[in-house]
N, C-alpha and C. Protein backbone atom coordinates (compact mmCIF):
# COMPACT_ATOMS: atom_id res chain seq x y z
N UNK A 1 -20.54 -49.42 -26.77
CA UNK A 1 -21.33 -49.17 -25.58
C UNK A 1 -21.58 -50.50 -24.87
N UNK A 2 -21.30 -50.55 -23.60
CA UNK A 2 -21.50 -51.76 -22.82
C UNK A 2 -22.77 -51.65 -21.98
N UNK A 3 -23.33 -52.81 -21.69
CA UNK A 3 -24.51 -52.84 -20.83
C UNK A 3 -24.19 -53.65 -19.58
N UNK A 4 -24.72 -53.21 -18.48
CA UNK A 4 -24.55 -53.88 -17.20
C UNK A 4 -25.93 -54.27 -16.68
N UNK A 5 -26.03 -55.45 -16.13
CA UNK A 5 -27.29 -55.91 -15.57
C UNK A 5 -27.29 -55.64 -14.06
N UNK A 6 -28.33 -55.00 -13.60
CA UNK A 6 -28.49 -54.73 -12.18
C UNK A 6 -29.54 -55.70 -11.64
N UNK A 7 -29.08 -56.67 -10.86
CA UNK A 7 -29.98 -57.71 -10.36
C UNK A 7 -31.14 -57.15 -9.53
N UNK A 8 -30.94 -55.99 -8.92
CA UNK A 8 -32.00 -55.39 -8.11
C UNK A 8 -33.15 -54.88 -8.97
N UNK A 9 -32.88 -54.62 -10.24
CA UNK A 9 -33.93 -54.12 -11.14
C UNK A 9 -34.69 -55.26 -11.82
N UNK A 10 -34.29 -56.48 -11.52
CA UNK A 10 -34.91 -57.64 -12.15
C UNK A 10 -36.37 -57.77 -11.71
N UNK A 11 -37.24 -58.02 -12.69
CA UNK A 11 -38.65 -58.23 -12.41
C UNK A 11 -39.06 -59.60 -12.92
N UNK A 12 -40.06 -60.16 -12.30
CA UNK A 12 -40.54 -61.48 -12.69
C UNK A 12 -42.05 -61.42 -12.87
N UNK A 13 -42.52 -62.15 -13.84
CA UNK A 13 -43.94 -62.14 -14.17
C UNK A 13 -44.37 -63.57 -14.48
N UNK A 14 -45.42 -64.02 -13.82
CA UNK A 14 -45.98 -65.35 -14.09
C UNK A 14 -47.18 -65.17 -15.02
N UNK A 15 -47.12 -65.85 -16.16
CA UNK A 15 -48.23 -65.79 -17.12
C UNK A 15 -49.02 -67.09 -17.06
N UNK A 16 -50.31 -66.96 -16.86
CA UNK A 16 -51.19 -68.13 -16.84
C UNK A 16 -51.77 -68.34 -18.24
N UNK A 17 -52.33 -69.51 -18.44
CA UNK A 17 -52.92 -69.84 -19.74
C UNK A 17 -54.02 -68.84 -20.08
N UNK A 18 -54.01 -68.33 -21.31
CA UNK A 18 -55.00 -67.33 -21.74
C UNK A 18 -56.30 -67.97 -22.21
N UNK A 19 -56.30 -69.30 -22.33
CA UNK A 19 -57.44 -70.06 -22.82
C UNK A 19 -57.28 -71.49 -22.33
N UNK A 20 -58.35 -72.26 -22.26
CA UNK A 20 -58.23 -73.69 -21.97
C UNK A 20 -57.52 -74.34 -23.16
N UNK A 21 -56.58 -75.25 -22.88
CA UNK A 21 -55.90 -75.91 -24.00
C UNK A 21 -54.61 -76.57 -23.59
N UNK A 22 -53.79 -76.87 -24.60
CA UNK A 22 -52.51 -77.53 -24.39
C UNK A 22 -51.37 -76.53 -24.54
N UNK A 23 -50.63 -76.29 -23.46
CA UNK A 23 -49.50 -75.36 -23.48
C UNK A 23 -48.32 -76.06 -24.15
N UNK A 24 -47.71 -75.35 -25.11
CA UNK A 24 -46.57 -75.90 -25.85
C UNK A 24 -45.41 -74.90 -25.85
N UNK A 25 -44.17 -75.41 -25.98
CA UNK A 25 -43.03 -74.49 -26.08
C UNK A 25 -43.16 -73.63 -27.34
N UNK A 26 -42.72 -72.39 -27.27
CA UNK A 26 -42.86 -71.48 -28.39
C UNK A 26 -42.15 -71.99 -29.64
N UNK A 27 -41.05 -72.72 -29.48
CA UNK A 27 -40.32 -73.20 -30.65
C UNK A 27 -41.08 -74.25 -31.45
N UNK A 28 -42.18 -74.77 -30.91
CA UNK A 28 -42.98 -75.76 -31.65
C UNK A 28 -44.18 -75.14 -32.36
N UNK A 29 -44.36 -73.82 -32.22
CA UNK A 29 -45.45 -73.12 -32.92
C UNK A 29 -45.11 -73.08 -34.41
N UNK A 30 -46.09 -73.30 -35.28
CA UNK A 30 -45.85 -73.35 -36.73
C UNK A 30 -45.35 -72.03 -37.32
N UNK A 31 -45.82 -70.91 -36.80
CA UNK A 31 -45.46 -69.60 -37.34
C UNK A 31 -44.02 -69.24 -36.94
N UNK A 32 -43.13 -69.15 -37.93
CA UNK A 32 -41.70 -68.91 -37.67
C UNK A 32 -41.42 -67.59 -36.97
N UNK A 33 -42.26 -66.60 -37.15
CA UNK A 33 -42.06 -65.32 -36.47
C UNK A 33 -42.02 -65.54 -34.95
N UNK A 34 -42.83 -66.48 -34.49
CA UNK A 34 -42.89 -66.78 -33.06
C UNK A 34 -41.92 -67.89 -32.67
N UNK A 35 -41.91 -69.00 -33.42
CA UNK A 35 -41.08 -70.15 -33.05
C UNK A 35 -39.59 -69.85 -33.10
N UNK A 36 -39.19 -68.92 -33.97
CA UNK A 36 -37.77 -68.55 -34.05
C UNK A 36 -37.46 -67.32 -33.19
N UNK A 37 -38.44 -66.90 -32.40
CA UNK A 37 -38.27 -65.79 -31.44
C UNK A 37 -37.78 -64.50 -32.11
N UNK A 38 -38.35 -64.20 -33.27
CA UNK A 38 -37.94 -63.01 -34.02
C UNK A 38 -38.37 -61.71 -33.34
N UNK A 39 -39.52 -61.74 -32.65
CA UNK A 39 -40.02 -60.50 -32.04
C UNK A 39 -40.14 -60.59 -30.52
N UNK A 40 -39.90 -61.77 -29.98
CA UNK A 40 -40.02 -61.94 -28.54
C UNK A 40 -40.01 -63.40 -28.16
N UNK A 41 -40.34 -63.67 -26.91
CA UNK A 41 -40.32 -65.03 -26.39
C UNK A 41 -41.58 -65.24 -25.55
N UNK A 42 -42.02 -66.47 -25.47
CA UNK A 42 -43.22 -66.76 -24.70
C UNK A 42 -43.62 -68.22 -24.81
N UNK A 43 -44.90 -68.45 -25.03
CA UNK A 43 -45.41 -69.82 -25.13
C UNK A 43 -46.53 -69.89 -26.16
N UNK A 44 -46.83 -71.11 -26.57
CA UNK A 44 -47.97 -71.35 -27.45
C UNK A 44 -49.01 -72.14 -26.68
N UNK A 45 -50.24 -72.05 -27.14
CA UNK A 45 -51.30 -72.86 -26.54
C UNK A 45 -52.29 -73.25 -27.63
N UNK A 46 -52.57 -74.54 -27.71
CA UNK A 46 -53.55 -75.05 -28.67
C UNK A 46 -54.89 -74.99 -27.95
N UNK A 47 -55.76 -74.07 -28.37
CA UNK A 47 -56.99 -73.81 -27.61
C UNK A 47 -58.03 -74.92 -27.70
N UNK A 48 -58.73 -75.12 -26.57
CA UNK A 48 -59.85 -76.06 -26.51
C UNK A 48 -61.14 -75.34 -26.12
N UNK A 49 -61.04 -74.02 -25.94
CA UNK A 49 -62.22 -73.20 -25.66
C UNK A 49 -62.07 -71.90 -26.43
N UNK A 50 -63.12 -71.13 -26.50
CA UNK A 50 -63.14 -69.97 -27.40
C UNK A 50 -62.89 -68.62 -26.74
N UNK A 51 -62.92 -68.55 -25.41
CA UNK A 51 -62.76 -67.27 -24.72
C UNK A 51 -61.28 -67.03 -24.41
N UNK A 52 -60.79 -65.84 -24.80
CA UNK A 52 -59.40 -65.46 -24.59
C UNK A 52 -59.35 -64.45 -23.45
N UNK A 53 -58.45 -64.69 -22.47
CA UNK A 53 -58.32 -63.83 -21.30
C UNK A 53 -56.97 -63.12 -21.27
N UNK A 54 -56.91 -62.01 -20.56
CA UNK A 54 -55.66 -61.28 -20.38
C UNK A 54 -54.81 -61.96 -19.31
N UNK A 55 -53.53 -62.22 -19.61
CA UNK A 55 -52.65 -62.81 -18.61
C UNK A 55 -52.00 -61.79 -17.68
N UNK A 56 -52.24 -60.50 -17.95
CA UNK A 56 -51.57 -59.43 -17.20
C UNK A 56 -52.50 -58.25 -16.95
N UNK A 57 -52.09 -57.43 -15.97
CA UNK A 57 -52.70 -56.11 -15.79
C UNK A 57 -52.00 -55.18 -16.77
N UNK A 58 -52.74 -54.28 -17.37
CA UNK A 58 -52.10 -53.34 -18.28
C UNK A 58 -53.11 -52.55 -19.07
N UNK A 59 -52.62 -51.99 -20.17
CA UNK A 59 -53.47 -51.20 -21.06
C UNK A 59 -53.41 -51.81 -22.45
N UNK A 60 -54.56 -51.87 -23.09
CA UNK A 60 -54.60 -52.36 -24.47
C UNK A 60 -53.96 -51.28 -25.34
N UNK A 61 -52.78 -51.59 -25.89
CA UNK A 61 -52.12 -50.59 -26.73
C UNK A 61 -52.52 -50.75 -28.19
N UNK A 62 -53.08 -51.92 -28.53
CA UNK A 62 -53.55 -52.13 -29.89
C UNK A 62 -54.41 -53.39 -29.95
N UNK A 63 -55.47 -53.33 -30.75
CA UNK A 63 -56.26 -54.51 -31.11
C UNK A 63 -56.24 -54.52 -32.63
N UNK A 64 -55.79 -55.62 -33.21
CA UNK A 64 -55.75 -55.69 -34.67
C UNK A 64 -57.15 -55.46 -35.22
N UNK A 65 -57.24 -54.73 -36.32
CA UNK A 65 -58.54 -54.45 -36.93
C UNK A 65 -59.25 -55.75 -37.29
N UNK A 66 -58.46 -56.80 -37.51
CA UNK A 66 -59.00 -58.12 -37.84
C UNK A 66 -59.29 -58.95 -36.59
N UNK A 67 -59.08 -58.38 -35.42
CA UNK A 67 -59.42 -58.96 -34.11
C UNK A 67 -58.69 -60.25 -33.77
N UNK A 68 -57.61 -60.55 -34.48
CA UNK A 68 -56.86 -61.79 -34.24
C UNK A 68 -55.64 -61.58 -33.34
N UNK A 69 -55.39 -60.31 -32.93
CA UNK A 69 -54.20 -60.04 -32.12
C UNK A 69 -54.45 -58.87 -31.16
N UNK A 70 -53.86 -59.01 -29.97
CA UNK A 70 -53.97 -57.99 -28.92
C UNK A 70 -52.58 -57.64 -28.41
N UNK A 71 -52.30 -56.36 -28.27
CA UNK A 71 -51.06 -55.89 -27.65
C UNK A 71 -51.43 -55.26 -26.32
N UNK A 72 -50.78 -55.74 -25.25
CA UNK A 72 -51.05 -55.22 -23.91
C UNK A 72 -49.75 -54.63 -23.36
N UNK A 73 -49.82 -53.36 -22.95
CA UNK A 73 -48.65 -52.71 -22.38
C UNK A 73 -48.71 -52.79 -20.86
N UNK A 74 -47.63 -53.29 -20.28
CA UNK A 74 -47.52 -53.39 -18.82
C UNK A 74 -47.18 -52.02 -18.24
N UNK A 75 -47.35 -51.86 -16.94
CA UNK A 75 -46.97 -50.62 -16.27
C UNK A 75 -45.49 -50.31 -16.47
N UNK A 76 -44.68 -51.34 -16.63
CA UNK A 76 -43.24 -51.17 -16.83
C UNK A 76 -42.91 -50.63 -18.22
N UNK A 77 -43.92 -50.62 -19.11
CA UNK A 77 -43.71 -50.14 -20.47
C UNK A 77 -43.49 -51.24 -21.48
N UNK A 78 -43.22 -52.45 -21.02
CA UNK A 78 -43.02 -53.56 -21.94
C UNK A 78 -44.37 -54.07 -22.43
N UNK A 79 -44.34 -54.81 -23.55
CA UNK A 79 -45.59 -55.25 -24.17
C UNK A 79 -45.65 -56.76 -24.33
N UNK A 80 -46.89 -57.24 -24.27
CA UNK A 80 -47.19 -58.64 -24.53
C UNK A 80 -48.13 -58.69 -25.72
N UNK A 81 -47.86 -59.62 -26.62
CA UNK A 81 -48.71 -59.85 -27.79
C UNK A 81 -49.43 -61.18 -27.61
N UNK A 82 -50.74 -61.16 -27.83
CA UNK A 82 -51.52 -62.40 -27.88
C UNK A 82 -52.01 -62.51 -29.31
N UNK A 83 -51.49 -63.52 -30.02
CA UNK A 83 -51.77 -63.68 -31.45
C UNK A 83 -52.52 -64.99 -31.66
N UNK A 84 -53.72 -64.91 -32.23
CA UNK A 84 -54.59 -66.08 -32.37
C UNK A 84 -54.46 -66.67 -33.77
N UNK A 85 -53.92 -67.89 -33.83
CA UNK A 85 -53.82 -68.62 -35.09
C UNK A 85 -52.67 -68.17 -35.98
N UNK A 86 -52.51 -68.91 -37.08
CA UNK A 86 -51.48 -68.59 -38.07
C UNK A 86 -52.15 -68.10 -39.35
N UNK A 87 -51.72 -66.95 -39.83
CA UNK A 87 -52.26 -66.32 -41.05
C UNK A 87 -53.73 -65.96 -40.93
N UNK A 88 -54.25 -65.88 -39.73
CA UNK A 88 -55.67 -65.58 -39.52
C UNK A 88 -56.01 -64.13 -39.86
N UNK A 89 -55.00 -63.30 -40.07
CA UNK A 89 -55.24 -61.93 -40.53
C UNK A 89 -56.01 -61.96 -41.86
N UNK A 90 -55.83 -63.03 -42.63
CA UNK A 90 -56.48 -63.16 -43.93
C UNK A 90 -58.00 -63.31 -43.82
N UNK A 91 -58.50 -63.62 -42.63
CA UNK A 91 -59.95 -63.77 -42.43
C UNK A 91 -60.65 -62.43 -42.25
N UNK A 92 -59.88 -61.35 -42.16
CA UNK A 92 -60.45 -60.00 -42.02
C UNK A 92 -61.45 -59.87 -40.88
N UNK A 93 -61.19 -60.56 -39.78
CA UNK A 93 -62.04 -60.44 -38.59
C UNK A 93 -63.13 -61.48 -38.50
N UNK A 94 -63.37 -62.22 -39.58
CA UNK A 94 -64.42 -63.24 -39.56
C UNK A 94 -64.00 -64.37 -38.61
N UNK A 95 -64.88 -64.73 -37.68
CA UNK A 95 -64.59 -65.77 -36.71
C UNK A 95 -64.04 -65.23 -35.39
N UNK A 96 -63.92 -63.90 -35.29
CA UNK A 96 -63.38 -63.27 -34.09
C UNK A 96 -64.33 -62.20 -33.57
N UNK A 97 -64.36 -62.03 -32.25
CA UNK A 97 -65.05 -60.89 -31.65
C UNK A 97 -64.17 -60.40 -30.51
N UNK A 98 -64.29 -59.12 -30.19
CA UNK A 98 -63.46 -58.55 -29.14
C UNK A 98 -64.31 -57.80 -28.13
N UNK A 99 -63.88 -57.82 -26.87
CA UNK A 99 -64.58 -57.11 -25.81
C UNK A 99 -63.80 -55.88 -25.35
N UNK A 100 -62.63 -55.64 -25.96
CA UNK A 100 -61.80 -54.51 -25.55
C UNK A 100 -61.41 -53.68 -26.76
N UNK A 101 -60.92 -52.47 -26.47
CA UNK A 101 -60.42 -51.62 -27.55
C UNK A 101 -59.19 -50.86 -27.06
N UNK A 102 -58.47 -50.29 -28.00
CA UNK A 102 -57.25 -49.55 -27.68
C UNK A 102 -57.53 -48.52 -26.59
N UNK A 103 -56.65 -48.48 -25.60
CA UNK A 103 -56.78 -47.52 -24.50
C UNK A 103 -57.46 -48.07 -23.27
N UNK A 104 -58.13 -49.22 -23.39
CA UNK A 104 -58.79 -49.83 -22.23
C UNK A 104 -57.75 -50.32 -21.22
N UNK A 105 -58.03 -50.10 -19.95
CA UNK A 105 -57.21 -50.67 -18.89
C UNK A 105 -57.85 -52.00 -18.50
N UNK A 106 -57.02 -53.02 -18.41
CA UNK A 106 -57.54 -54.36 -18.13
C UNK A 106 -56.79 -54.99 -16.96
N UNK A 107 -57.42 -56.00 -16.38
CA UNK A 107 -56.84 -56.73 -15.26
C UNK A 107 -56.61 -58.18 -15.67
N UNK A 108 -55.74 -58.84 -14.94
CA UNK A 108 -55.51 -60.27 -15.14
C UNK A 108 -56.86 -60.98 -15.10
N UNK A 109 -57.11 -61.85 -16.06
CA UNK A 109 -58.34 -62.63 -16.08
C UNK A 109 -59.50 -61.97 -16.78
N UNK A 110 -59.34 -60.73 -17.20
CA UNK A 110 -60.41 -60.05 -17.92
C UNK A 110 -60.51 -60.59 -19.35
N UNK A 111 -61.73 -60.75 -19.82
CA UNK A 111 -61.95 -61.30 -21.15
C UNK A 111 -61.54 -60.30 -22.23
N UNK A 112 -60.71 -60.78 -23.17
CA UNK A 112 -60.28 -59.95 -24.29
C UNK A 112 -61.22 -60.13 -25.48
N UNK A 113 -61.53 -61.39 -25.78
CA UNK A 113 -62.36 -61.65 -26.94
C UNK A 113 -62.70 -63.12 -27.07
N UNK A 114 -63.30 -63.45 -28.22
CA UNK A 114 -63.70 -64.82 -28.53
C UNK A 114 -63.22 -65.19 -29.92
N UNK A 115 -63.00 -66.48 -30.10
CA UNK A 115 -62.63 -67.00 -31.42
C UNK A 115 -63.49 -68.22 -31.71
N UNK A 116 -63.99 -68.30 -32.93
CA UNK A 116 -64.78 -69.45 -33.37
C UNK A 116 -63.81 -70.50 -33.90
N UNK A 117 -63.37 -71.38 -33.02
CA UNK A 117 -62.36 -72.37 -33.36
C UNK A 117 -62.80 -73.30 -34.49
N UNK A 118 -64.05 -73.73 -34.45
CA UNK A 118 -64.54 -74.63 -35.49
C UNK A 118 -64.51 -73.96 -36.86
N UNK A 119 -64.90 -72.69 -36.91
CA UNK A 119 -64.87 -71.93 -38.16
C UNK A 119 -63.43 -71.86 -38.71
N UNK A 120 -62.48 -71.52 -37.84
CA UNK A 120 -61.08 -71.44 -38.27
C UNK A 120 -60.58 -72.78 -38.77
N UNK A 121 -60.90 -73.85 -38.05
CA UNK A 121 -60.47 -75.19 -38.46
C UNK A 121 -61.10 -75.59 -39.79
N UNK A 122 -62.40 -75.29 -39.97
CA UNK A 122 -63.08 -75.60 -41.23
C UNK A 122 -62.43 -74.88 -42.40
N UNK A 123 -61.91 -73.68 -42.15
CA UNK A 123 -61.25 -72.89 -43.19
C UNK A 123 -59.79 -73.32 -43.38
N UNK A 124 -59.33 -74.27 -42.56
CA UNK A 124 -57.98 -74.81 -42.71
C UNK A 124 -56.88 -74.07 -41.97
N UNK A 125 -57.24 -73.25 -40.99
CA UNK A 125 -56.25 -72.47 -40.25
C UNK A 125 -55.75 -73.20 -39.01
N UNK A 126 -54.46 -73.02 -38.72
CA UNK A 126 -53.87 -73.47 -37.47
C UNK A 126 -54.39 -72.52 -36.39
N UNK A 127 -54.96 -73.03 -35.33
CA UNK A 127 -55.60 -72.19 -34.30
C UNK A 127 -54.68 -71.90 -33.10
N UNK A 128 -53.45 -72.35 -33.14
CA UNK A 128 -52.54 -72.14 -32.02
C UNK A 128 -52.41 -70.66 -31.67
N UNK A 129 -52.50 -70.37 -30.39
CA UNK A 129 -52.37 -69.00 -29.89
C UNK A 129 -50.94 -68.83 -29.36
N UNK A 130 -50.29 -67.75 -29.78
CA UNK A 130 -48.95 -67.42 -29.29
C UNK A 130 -49.06 -66.25 -28.31
N UNK A 131 -48.44 -66.41 -27.15
CA UNK A 131 -48.41 -65.35 -26.14
C UNK A 131 -46.94 -64.95 -26.01
N UNK A 132 -46.63 -63.73 -26.45
CA UNK A 132 -45.25 -63.31 -26.63
C UNK A 132 -44.93 -62.06 -25.80
N UNK A 133 -43.86 -62.13 -25.03
CA UNK A 133 -43.31 -60.97 -24.34
C UNK A 133 -42.38 -60.34 -25.37
N UNK A 134 -42.73 -59.16 -25.89
CA UNK A 134 -42.00 -58.56 -27.00
C UNK A 134 -40.63 -58.06 -26.58
N UNK A 135 -39.67 -58.24 -27.48
CA UNK A 135 -38.30 -57.79 -27.23
C UNK A 135 -38.22 -56.28 -27.22
N UNK A 136 -37.30 -55.79 -26.44
CA UNK A 136 -36.92 -54.38 -26.39
C UNK A 136 -35.39 -54.40 -26.46
N UNK A 137 -34.80 -53.51 -27.24
CA UNK A 137 -33.35 -53.56 -27.46
C UNK A 137 -32.53 -53.46 -26.17
N UNK A 138 -33.09 -52.89 -25.13
CA UNK A 138 -32.34 -52.76 -23.87
C UNK A 138 -32.81 -53.76 -22.82
N UNK A 139 -33.47 -54.81 -23.25
CA UNK A 139 -34.09 -55.75 -22.33
C UNK A 139 -33.31 -57.05 -22.23
N UNK A 140 -33.10 -57.50 -21.02
CA UNK A 140 -32.56 -58.82 -20.76
C UNK A 140 -33.77 -59.68 -20.40
N UNK A 141 -33.98 -60.77 -21.12
CA UNK A 141 -35.21 -61.55 -20.98
C UNK A 141 -34.91 -63.03 -20.85
N UNK A 142 -35.59 -63.67 -19.90
CA UNK A 142 -35.49 -65.12 -19.74
C UNK A 142 -36.91 -65.65 -19.55
N UNK A 143 -37.26 -66.67 -20.34
CA UNK A 143 -38.61 -67.25 -20.27
C UNK A 143 -38.50 -68.74 -19.98
N UNK A 144 -39.23 -69.20 -18.98
CA UNK A 144 -39.32 -70.64 -18.69
C UNK A 144 -40.77 -71.04 -18.92
N UNK A 145 -40.96 -71.95 -19.88
CA UNK A 145 -42.30 -72.42 -20.23
C UNK A 145 -42.60 -73.73 -19.50
N UNK A 146 -43.88 -73.91 -19.15
CA UNK A 146 -44.33 -75.13 -18.47
C UNK A 146 -45.34 -75.85 -19.35
N UNK A 147 -44.85 -76.64 -20.35
CA UNK A 147 -45.78 -77.35 -21.24
C UNK A 147 -46.70 -78.27 -20.44
N UNK A 148 -47.96 -78.30 -20.84
CA UNK A 148 -48.94 -79.13 -20.14
C UNK A 148 -50.17 -79.32 -21.01
N UNK A 149 -50.68 -80.54 -21.02
CA UNK A 149 -51.95 -80.81 -21.71
C UNK A 149 -53.10 -80.41 -20.79
N UNK A 150 -54.20 -80.06 -21.38
CA UNK A 150 -55.43 -79.74 -20.64
C UNK A 150 -55.26 -78.64 -19.59
N UNK A 151 -54.57 -77.58 -19.95
CA UNK A 151 -54.42 -76.42 -19.06
C UNK A 151 -55.77 -75.72 -18.93
N UNK A 152 -55.98 -75.10 -17.78
CA UNK A 152 -57.21 -74.34 -17.53
C UNK A 152 -56.89 -72.85 -17.60
N UNK A 153 -57.69 -72.13 -18.37
CA UNK A 153 -57.50 -70.69 -18.53
C UNK A 153 -57.47 -70.01 -17.17
N UNK A 154 -56.51 -69.12 -16.99
CA UNK A 154 -56.35 -68.28 -15.81
C UNK A 154 -56.13 -69.07 -14.51
N UNK A 155 -55.79 -70.34 -14.65
CA UNK A 155 -55.49 -71.18 -13.49
C UNK A 155 -54.11 -71.82 -13.64
N UNK A 156 -53.87 -72.45 -14.79
CA UNK A 156 -52.61 -73.14 -15.04
C UNK A 156 -51.51 -72.15 -15.40
N UNK A 157 -50.35 -72.28 -14.75
CA UNK A 157 -49.21 -71.43 -15.08
C UNK A 157 -48.60 -71.91 -16.39
N UNK A 158 -48.47 -70.99 -17.35
CA UNK A 158 -47.93 -71.32 -18.67
C UNK A 158 -46.44 -71.02 -18.76
N UNK A 159 -46.01 -69.89 -18.20
CA UNK A 159 -44.59 -69.56 -18.23
C UNK A 159 -44.24 -68.52 -17.18
N UNK A 160 -42.95 -68.45 -16.91
CA UNK A 160 -42.39 -67.47 -15.98
C UNK A 160 -41.43 -66.60 -16.79
N UNK A 161 -41.65 -65.29 -16.76
CA UNK A 161 -40.80 -64.35 -17.49
C UNK A 161 -40.00 -63.55 -16.47
N UNK A 162 -38.68 -63.56 -16.63
CA UNK A 162 -37.81 -62.73 -15.81
C UNK A 162 -37.16 -61.73 -16.75
N UNK A 163 -37.29 -60.45 -16.42
CA UNK A 163 -36.78 -59.43 -17.32
C UNK A 163 -36.21 -58.25 -16.54
N UNK A 164 -35.34 -57.54 -17.20
CA UNK A 164 -34.77 -56.33 -16.62
C UNK A 164 -34.17 -55.48 -17.72
N UNK A 165 -34.12 -54.22 -17.48
CA UNK A 165 -33.52 -53.29 -18.41
C UNK A 165 -32.02 -53.27 -18.13
N UNK A 166 -31.23 -53.34 -19.17
CA UNK A 166 -29.78 -53.24 -19.02
C UNK A 166 -29.40 -51.77 -18.91
N UNK A 167 -28.51 -51.47 -17.98
CA UNK A 167 -28.05 -50.09 -17.81
C UNK A 167 -26.83 -49.86 -18.69
N UNK A 168 -26.76 -48.72 -19.33
CA UNK A 168 -25.63 -48.38 -20.18
C UNK A 168 -24.47 -47.90 -19.33
N UNK A 169 -23.28 -48.45 -19.59
CA UNK A 169 -22.07 -48.02 -18.88
C UNK A 169 -21.43 -46.88 -19.66
N UNK A 170 -21.08 -45.82 -19.00
CA UNK A 170 -20.43 -44.68 -19.68
C UNK A 170 -18.92 -44.75 -19.54
């Protein structure tokens, strides 16, 4: 089965920093699931503030019970994952609070939750946040990251995502 790309179906999305901090290329994130692009592509950010914001309009399709991860579904059906820290699932929600729940419709810049960065650091956790545009088997995806120190949440552009669904040729 062959796939054809239709340039007219191409969509572009600008993602701003979800938190104040240092934007880094995804390949430099410590967690291999993200740095090796196993589930998607995006950017990392080393947070300098505790409030996490939504980079997109969409619907919360999942909030991890441990409050360390958010899945946001775009109107196009594709999903973005915001994952706070490495192995922070082991904290069972300690150090995290959330302002949203599954099924909530959210807008760009809306607060998702908070993280106690000092608590995570004291416990020895890497606090880097990964913002990932999740892969879809029929998706053509290109991500351009804009690394920058001292990014401002919801102001500084972190990356540009260009994506489109490949059409199957019969």
